Protein backbone atom coordinates (compact mmCIF):
# COMPACT_ATOMS: atom_id res chain seq x y z
CA MET A 1 111.92 -162.02 -213.99
CA PHE A 2 110.36 -159.20 -215.99
CA SER A 3 108.43 -161.36 -218.44
CA LEU A 4 106.68 -164.19 -216.67
CA ASN A 5 105.26 -165.33 -220.01
CA TYR A 6 108.71 -165.66 -221.54
CA ASP A 7 107.75 -163.21 -224.26
CA ILE A 8 110.55 -161.19 -225.80
CA LYS A 9 108.08 -158.61 -227.17
CA GLU A 10 106.84 -157.95 -223.64
CA PHE A 11 110.39 -157.62 -222.37
CA ILE A 12 111.46 -155.19 -225.09
CA THR A 13 108.59 -152.86 -224.26
CA LEU A 14 109.98 -152.62 -220.76
CA LEU A 15 113.35 -151.43 -222.10
CA GLU A 16 112.03 -148.42 -224.01
CA ASN A 17 112.90 -145.73 -221.48
CA LYS A 18 116.23 -147.02 -220.39
CA ASN A 19 119.72 -146.01 -221.46
CA PRO A 20 121.93 -148.53 -223.34
CA HIS A 21 123.87 -149.56 -220.23
CA GLU A 22 120.71 -150.21 -218.27
CA LYS A 23 119.22 -152.17 -221.23
CA LEU A 24 122.28 -154.36 -221.38
CA TRP A 25 122.32 -154.98 -217.64
CA VAL A 26 118.61 -155.79 -217.42
CA ALA A 27 118.71 -158.06 -220.47
CA HIS A 28 121.70 -159.89 -219.09
CA GLN A 29 120.02 -160.39 -215.70
CA GLU A 30 116.83 -161.65 -217.38
CA ALA A 31 118.73 -164.14 -219.60
CA THR A 32 120.73 -165.40 -216.60
CA GLU A 33 117.54 -165.92 -214.61
CA VAL A 34 115.87 -167.79 -217.42
CA GLU A 35 118.88 -170.04 -217.89
CA ARG A 36 119.10 -170.64 -214.16
CA ARG A 37 115.43 -171.68 -214.07
CA LEU A 38 115.97 -174.05 -216.98
CA LYS A 39 118.81 -175.81 -215.14
CA MET A 40 117.58 -175.73 -211.59
CA HIS A 41 113.86 -176.38 -212.13
CA PRO A 42 113.39 -178.71 -215.08
CA SER A 43 109.85 -178.36 -216.25
CA PRO A 44 107.83 -181.50 -216.95
CA ASN A 45 105.99 -179.51 -219.54
CA ASP A 46 107.98 -179.60 -222.78
CA ARG A 47 106.16 -176.64 -224.23
CA ASN A 48 107.19 -174.44 -221.30
CA LYS A 49 110.81 -175.60 -221.57
CA THR A 50 110.84 -174.93 -225.30
CA GLN A 51 109.40 -171.46 -224.71
CA MET A 52 112.05 -170.70 -222.07
CA GLU A 53 114.86 -171.84 -224.39
CA LYS A 54 113.58 -169.65 -227.20
CA TYR A 55 113.18 -166.68 -224.86
CA SER A 56 116.75 -167.18 -223.60
CA SER A 57 118.09 -167.33 -227.14
CA ASP A 58 116.14 -164.18 -228.11
CA LEU A 59 117.50 -162.36 -225.05
CA ARG A 60 121.08 -163.33 -225.97
CA SER A 61 120.48 -162.01 -229.52
CA LEU A 62 119.15 -158.79 -228.02
CA ILE A 63 122.22 -158.49 -225.81
CA SER A 64 124.49 -158.88 -228.85
CA SER A 65 122.51 -156.28 -230.69
CA ILE A 66 122.85 -153.76 -227.87
CA ARG A 67 126.56 -154.45 -227.53
CA TYR A 68 127.55 -154.45 -231.20
CA ALA A 69 124.71 -152.45 -232.84
CA ALA A 70 123.94 -155.37 -235.19
CA VAL A 71 120.54 -156.86 -235.69
CA PRO A 72 120.37 -160.67 -236.14
CA ARG A 73 118.92 -161.93 -239.37
CA LYS A 74 116.16 -163.89 -237.58
CA VAL A 75 114.63 -160.59 -236.40
CA TYR A 76 114.04 -159.58 -240.04
CA ASP A 77 112.52 -162.96 -240.73
CA THR A 78 110.09 -162.84 -237.82
CA GLY A 79 108.66 -159.45 -238.81
CA TRP A 80 109.11 -157.67 -235.49
CA TYR A 81 112.12 -155.54 -236.44
CA GLU A 82 110.59 -152.24 -235.38
CA LEU A 83 109.89 -153.54 -231.86
CA TYR A 84 113.35 -155.07 -231.68
CA LYS A 85 114.90 -151.79 -232.71
CA LYS A 86 113.23 -150.11 -229.74
CA GLY A 87 115.07 -152.45 -227.42
CA CYS A 88 118.50 -151.62 -228.86
């Protein structure tokens, strides 16, 4: 796990100096790990579970953006497009 706080912004800053193949691989590994944790270790804390689900969804959107060079609409709505663009 690269972001123990389940924060996509923190994760994207870690991707800045990587090539696109490395970014895709690292993002896929991170998303897989988060989803594995969600299924294997259900958290009694609903806030933590919700945060993990959102992080996983954001990671999958980032993976799609890296693969297809398309930015999801929700990125424009959240206001962190410039940071997201660094991850792609």
